[in-house]
Amino acid sequence: MGVFQRISAADAQAMMAKGNVQVADLRDPTSFGQAHIPGSVRLSNENLQNFMLESDFDAPLLVVCYHGVSSQSAGQYLAEQGFENVYSLDGGMTAWATSFPEQVARD
């Protein structure tokens, strides 16, 4: 059974700087549109199957929510589906936007 790991915003940013990191954002469409990590995909029940079909199960997967709580259970689920390196962002998008305001995309 796969497991996820928790990761700080600083460590996540360093990992992303190396490239090839997939980012799944669990937040609602309005919150996602107002601020998200560049290159992230808004993940919902409606697009979960397509996300899994199109994703690289070997590449790191960073799961983001509002404050880093919901992303833990979603990260565990995705790890159990076969993603090899799943990370839940501690503090969620709130921590990311505070730590890296220049690395926040808006629709």
N, C-alpha and C. Protein backbone atom coordinates (compact mmCIF):
# COMPACT_ATOMS: atom_id res chain seq x y z
N MET A 1 0.84 -1.18 0.00
CA MET A 1 0.00 0.00 0.00
C MET A 1 0.88 1.24 0.00
N GLY A 2 0.56 2.18 -0.86
CA GLY A 2 1.33 3.41 -0.95
C GLY A 2 1.01 4.35 0.19
N VAL A 3 1.95 5.23 0.45
CA VAL A 3 1.75 6.25 1.47
C VAL A 3 2.18 7.60 0.92
N PHE A 4 1.60 8.64 1.49
CA PHE A 4 1.99 9.99 1.12
C PHE A 4 2.94 10.53 2.19
N GLN A 5 3.60 11.62 1.85
CA GLN A 5 4.46 12.31 2.81
C GLN A 5 4.00 13.75 2.93
N ARG A 6 4.19 14.34 4.08
CA ARG A 6 3.91 15.76 4.25
C ARG A 6 5.17 16.53 3.86
N ILE A 7 4.98 17.73 3.27
CA ILE A 7 6.12 18.52 2.82
C ILE A 7 5.85 20.00 3.09
N SER A 8 6.87 20.71 3.48
CA SER A 8 6.74 22.15 3.73
C SER A 8 6.71 22.90 2.40
N ALA A 9 6.24 24.12 2.45
CA ALA A 9 6.22 24.95 1.24
C ALA A 9 7.62 25.14 0.68
N ALA A 10 8.59 25.37 1.56
CA ALA A 10 9.97 25.57 1.10
C ALA A 10 10.53 24.32 0.42
N ASP A 11 10.29 23.16 1.02
CA ASP A 11 10.77 21.91 0.41
C ASP A 11 10.03 21.60 -0.89
N ALA A 12 8.73 21.92 -0.93
CA ALA A 12 7.95 21.71 -2.16
C ALA A 12 8.47 22.61 -3.27
N GLN A 13 8.77 23.85 -2.94
CA GLN A 13 9.29 24.78 -3.95
C GLN A 13 10.63 24.29 -4.48
N ALA A 14 11.49 23.80 -3.59
CA ALA A 14 12.79 23.27 -4.02
C ALA A 14 12.61 22.05 -4.92
N MET A 15 11.67 21.18 -4.58
CA MET A 15 11.39 20.01 -5.39
C MET A 15 10.87 20.44 -6.77
N MET A 16 9.99 21.43 -6.79
CA MET A 16 9.44 21.89 -8.05
C MET A 16 10.49 22.57 -8.92
N ALA A 17 11.48 23.19 -8.31
CA ALA A 17 12.55 23.85 -9.07
C ALA A 17 13.35 22.83 -9.86
N LYS A 18 13.35 21.58 -9.42
CA LYS A 18 14.06 20.51 -10.13
C LYS A 18 13.26 20.02 -11.34
N GLY A 19 11.96 20.37 -11.39
CA GLY A 19 11.13 20.02 -12.54
C GLY A 19 10.37 18.72 -12.39
N ASN A 20 9.44 18.49 -13.34
CA ASN A 20 8.67 17.26 -13.46
C ASN A 20 7.80 16.94 -12.25
N VAL A 21 7.27 17.96 -11.57
CA VAL A 21 6.37 17.74 -10.45
C VAL A 21 4.94 18.04 -10.90
N GLN A 22 4.05 17.12 -10.63
CA GLN A 22 2.63 17.31 -10.92
C GLN A 22 1.99 17.93 -9.68
N VAL A 23 1.07 18.89 -9.88
CA VAL A 23 0.42 19.53 -8.75
C VAL A 23 -1.09 19.40 -8.92
N ALA A 24 -1.72 18.79 -7.92
CA ALA A 24 -3.17 18.62 -7.91
C ALA A 24 -3.75 19.50 -6.81
N ASP A 25 -4.63 20.42 -7.17
CA ASP A 25 -5.25 21.37 -6.24
C ASP A 25 -6.69 20.93 -5.99
N LEU A 26 -7.04 20.70 -4.74
CA LEU A 26 -8.35 20.18 -4.38
C LEU A 26 -9.39 21.26 -4.12
N ARG A 27 -9.01 22.51 -4.14
CA ARG A 27 -9.92 23.58 -3.73
C ARG A 27 -11.02 23.83 -4.76
N ASP A 28 -12.02 24.59 -4.36
CA ASP A 28 -13.15 24.88 -5.22
C ASP A 28 -12.72 25.76 -6.41
N PRO A 29 -13.53 25.79 -7.48
CA PRO A 29 -13.14 26.53 -8.69
C PRO A 29 -12.86 28.01 -8.45
N THR A 30 -13.64 28.67 -7.60
CA THR A 30 -13.43 30.09 -7.35
C THR A 30 -12.09 30.33 -6.66
N SER A 31 -11.81 29.57 -5.63
CA SER A 31 -10.53 29.73 -4.91
C SER A 31 -9.35 29.42 -5.82
N PHE A 32 -9.49 28.37 -6.63
CA PHE A 32 -8.44 28.01 -7.58
C PHE A 32 -8.20 29.15 -8.56
N GLY A 33 -9.27 29.74 -9.08
CA GLY A 33 -9.14 30.84 -10.03
C GLY A 33 -8.49 32.07 -9.43
N GLN A 34 -8.71 32.29 -8.15
CA GLN A 34 -8.14 33.46 -7.48
C GLN A 34 -6.66 33.30 -7.20
N ALA A 35 -6.21 32.08 -6.96
CA ALA A 35 -4.79 31.85 -6.66
C ALA A 35 -4.50 30.36 -6.68
N HIS A 36 -3.47 29.98 -7.44
CA HIS A 36 -3.02 28.59 -7.46
C HIS A 36 -1.55 28.53 -7.85
N ILE A 37 -0.95 27.39 -7.60
CA ILE A 37 0.44 27.18 -7.98
C ILE A 37 0.48 27.05 -9.50
N PRO A 38 1.37 27.78 -10.17
CA PRO A 38 1.46 27.69 -11.63
C PRO A 38 1.62 26.24 -12.10
N GLY A 39 0.86 25.86 -13.11
CA GLY A 39 0.92 24.52 -13.67
C GLY A 39 0.07 23.50 -12.96
N SER A 40 -0.61 23.91 -11.90
CA SER A 40 -1.43 22.95 -11.16
C SER A 40 -2.73 22.65 -11.89
N VAL A 41 -3.30 21.51 -11.55
CA VAL A 41 -4.57 21.06 -12.10
C VAL A 41 -5.57 21.04 -10.94
N ARG A 42 -6.74 21.62 -11.16
CA ARG A 42 -7.78 21.54 -10.14
C ARG A 42 -8.39 20.15 -10.20
N LEU A 43 -8.24 19.41 -9.13
CA LEU A 43 -8.69 18.03 -9.08
C LEU A 43 -10.01 17.93 -8.32
N SER A 44 -10.97 17.26 -8.94
CA SER A 44 -12.28 17.07 -8.32
C SER A 44 -12.75 15.65 -8.63
N ASN A 45 -13.86 15.27 -8.03
CA ASN A 45 -14.43 13.95 -8.33
C ASN A 45 -14.76 13.82 -9.81
N GLU A 46 -15.12 14.93 -10.43
CA GLU A 46 -15.53 14.90 -11.84
C GLU A 46 -14.36 14.60 -12.79
N ASN A 47 -13.15 15.01 -12.45
CA ASN A 47 -12.03 14.80 -13.37
C ASN A 47 -10.97 13.84 -12.83
N LEU A 48 -11.27 13.19 -11.72
CA LEU A 48 -10.29 12.29 -11.10
C LEU A 48 -9.85 11.18 -12.04
N GLN A 49 -10.78 10.53 -12.70
CA GLN A 49 -10.41 9.42 -13.59
C GLN A 49 -9.53 9.89 -14.74
N ASN A 50 -9.88 11.02 -15.36
CA ASN A 50 -9.05 11.55 -16.44
C ASN A 50 -7.68 11.96 -15.93
N PHE A 51 -7.64 12.56 -14.76
CA PHE A 51 -6.36 12.95 -14.16
C PHE A 51 -5.46 11.72 -14.01
N MET A 52 -6.03 10.65 -13.52
CA MET A 52 -5.23 9.44 -13.32
C MET A 52 -4.79 8.82 -14.65
N LEU A 53 -5.62 8.90 -15.66
CA LEU A 53 -5.25 8.37 -16.97
C LEU A 53 -4.13 9.18 -17.62
N GLU A 54 -4.10 10.47 -17.35
CA GLU A 54 -3.15 11.38 -18.01
C GLU A 54 -1.89 11.64 -17.20
N SER A 55 -1.83 11.16 -15.97
CA SER A 55 -0.72 11.49 -15.08
C SER A 55 0.41 10.47 -15.19
N ASP A 56 1.58 10.91 -14.76
CA ASP A 56 2.75 10.05 -14.68
C ASP A 56 2.84 9.53 -13.24
N PHE A 57 2.58 8.26 -13.05
CA PHE A 57 2.55 7.68 -11.71
C PHE A 57 3.93 7.64 -11.06
N ASP A 58 4.99 7.82 -11.85
CA ASP A 58 6.35 7.81 -11.31
C ASP A 58 6.85 9.19 -10.93
N ALA A 59 6.24 10.24 -11.47
CA ALA A 59 6.67 11.61 -11.16
C ALA A 59 6.09 12.04 -9.82
N PRO A 60 6.81 12.90 -9.10
CA PRO A 60 6.27 13.40 -7.83
C PRO A 60 4.92 14.09 -8.03
N LEU A 61 4.02 13.89 -7.08
CA LEU A 61 2.69 14.49 -7.11
C LEU A 61 2.49 15.28 -5.83
N LEU A 62 2.32 16.59 -5.96
CA LEU A 62 2.07 17.48 -4.84
C LEU A 62 0.58 17.75 -4.77
N VAL A 63 -0.03 17.44 -3.63
CA VAL A 63 -1.46 17.63 -3.44
C VAL A 63 -1.66 18.85 -2.53
N VAL A 64 -2.51 19.78 -3.01
CA VAL A 64 -2.70 21.06 -2.33
C VAL A 64 -4.18 21.26 -2.01
N CYS A 65 -4.45 21.77 -0.81
CA CYS A 65 -5.80 22.18 -0.44
C CYS A 65 -5.72 23.56 0.19
N TYR A 66 -6.67 23.92 1.01
CA TYR A 66 -6.67 25.24 1.63
C TYR A 66 -5.58 25.38 2.69
N HIS A 67 -5.56 24.45 3.67
CA HIS A 67 -4.67 24.57 4.82
C HIS A 67 -3.82 23.33 5.08
N GLY A 68 -3.86 22.35 4.19
CA GLY A 68 -3.03 21.16 4.35
C GLY A 68 -3.68 20.03 5.11
N VAL A 69 -5.00 20.06 5.27
CA VAL A 69 -5.69 18.99 5.99
C VAL A 69 -6.31 18.00 4.99
N SER A 70 -7.17 18.48 4.11
CA SER A 70 -7.83 17.61 3.13
C SER A 70 -6.83 16.94 2.19
N SER A 71 -5.73 17.62 1.94
CA SER A 71 -4.74 17.06 1.02
C SER A 71 -4.09 15.80 1.58
N GLN A 72 -4.14 15.62 2.89
CA GLN A 72 -3.55 14.41 3.47
C GLN A 72 -4.37 13.17 3.12
N SER A 73 -5.68 13.24 3.27
CA SER A 73 -6.49 12.07 2.93
C SER A 73 -6.51 11.85 1.42
N ALA A 74 -6.54 12.93 0.64
CA ALA A 74 -6.48 12.79 -0.82
C ALA A 74 -5.12 12.23 -1.24
N GLY A 75 -4.06 12.69 -0.60
CA GLY A 75 -2.73 12.17 -0.89
C GLY A 75 -2.62 10.68 -0.59
N GLN A 76 -3.22 10.27 0.52
CA GLN A 76 -3.20 8.85 0.87
C GLN A 76 -3.96 8.04 -0.18
N TYR A 77 -5.12 8.55 -0.59
CA TYR A 77 -5.91 7.86 -1.62
C TYR A 77 -5.11 7.73 -2.91
N LEU A 78 -4.48 8.81 -3.36
CA LEU A 78 -3.72 8.78 -4.62
C LEU A 78 -2.51 7.84 -4.50
N ALA A 79 -1.89 7.80 -3.35
CA ALA A 79 -0.78 6.86 -3.15
C ALA A 79 -1.28 5.43 -3.24
N GLU A 80 -2.46 5.17 -2.69
CA GLU A 80 -3.03 3.83 -2.76
C GLU A 80 -3.43 3.45 -4.18
N GLN A 81 -3.64 4.44 -5.04
CA GLN A 81 -3.98 4.17 -6.44
C GLN A 81 -2.74 3.87 -7.28
N GLY A 82 -1.55 4.04 -6.70
CA GLY A 82 -0.33 3.69 -7.41
C GLY A 82 0.64 4.81 -7.68
N PHE A 83 0.32 6.05 -7.30
CA PHE A 83 1.30 7.13 -7.44
C PHE A 83 2.45 6.85 -6.49
N GLU A 84 3.66 6.92 -7.00
CA GLU A 84 4.84 6.50 -6.25
C GLU A 84 5.29 7.52 -5.21
N ASN A 85 5.27 8.80 -5.54
CA ASN A 85 5.81 9.86 -4.67
C ASN A 85 4.76 10.94 -4.49
N VAL A 86 3.94 10.80 -3.45
CA VAL A 86 2.84 11.72 -3.20
C VAL A 86 3.18 12.57 -1.98
N TYR A 87 2.96 13.88 -2.12
CA TYR A 87 3.25 14.82 -1.05
C TYR A 87 2.03 15.69 -0.78
N SER A 88 1.73 15.89 0.50
CA SER A 88 0.68 16.81 0.93
C SER A 88 1.37 18.08 1.39
N LEU A 89 0.96 19.21 0.84
CA LEU A 89 1.58 20.49 1.17
C LEU A 89 1.12 20.97 2.54
N ASP A 90 2.03 20.98 3.52
CA ASP A 90 1.71 21.47 4.86
C ASP A 90 1.30 22.94 4.77
N GLY A 91 0.17 23.26 5.38
CA GLY A 91 -0.32 24.64 5.35
C GLY A 91 -1.08 24.99 4.10
N GLY A 92 -1.10 24.07 3.13
CA GLY A 92 -1.87 24.25 1.91
C GLY A 92 -1.50 25.50 1.11
N MET A 93 -2.48 25.95 0.33
CA MET A 93 -2.27 27.12 -0.52
C MET A 93 -2.02 28.37 0.32
N THR A 94 -2.56 28.39 1.53
CA THR A 94 -2.31 29.53 2.42
C THR A 94 -0.82 29.67 2.70
N ALA A 95 -0.15 28.57 3.02
CA ALA A 95 1.28 28.60 3.29
C ALA A 95 2.07 28.94 2.04
N TRP A 96 1.66 28.38 0.89
CA TRP A 96 2.37 28.66 -0.35
C TRP A 96 2.29 30.14 -0.70
N ALA A 97 1.08 30.71 -0.63
CA ALA A 97 0.89 32.12 -1.01
C ALA A 97 1.64 33.05 -0.06
N THR A 98 1.75 32.66 1.20
CA THR A 98 2.50 33.47 2.17
C THR A 98 4.00 33.37 1.92
N SER A 99 4.47 32.17 1.63
CA SER A 99 5.91 31.94 1.42
C SER A 99 6.40 32.40 0.06
N PHE A 100 5.57 32.22 -0.98
CA PHE A 100 6.00 32.50 -2.35
C PHE A 100 4.93 33.30 -3.11
N PRO A 101 4.63 34.52 -2.66
CA PRO A 101 3.56 35.29 -3.33
C PRO A 101 3.85 35.55 -4.81
N GLU A 102 5.11 35.56 -5.17
CA GLU A 102 5.47 35.79 -6.57
C GLU A 102 5.24 34.54 -7.43
N GLN A 103 5.00 33.40 -6.78
CA GLN A 103 4.75 32.15 -7.50
C GLN A 103 3.31 31.71 -7.31
N VAL A 104 2.40 32.64 -7.52
CA VAL A 104 0.97 32.37 -7.44
C VAL A 104 0.35 32.81 -8.75
N ALA A 105 -0.34 31.90 -9.41
CA ALA A 105 -1.02 32.22 -10.67
C ALA A 105 -2.46 32.56 -10.38
N ARG A 106 -3.04 33.39 -11.22
CA ARG A 106 -4.44 33.76 -11.12
C ARG A 106 -5.06 33.65 -12.51
N ASP A 107 -6.30 33.16 -12.54
CA ASP A 107 -7.00 33.05 -13.83
C ASP A 107 -7.65 34.36 -14.20
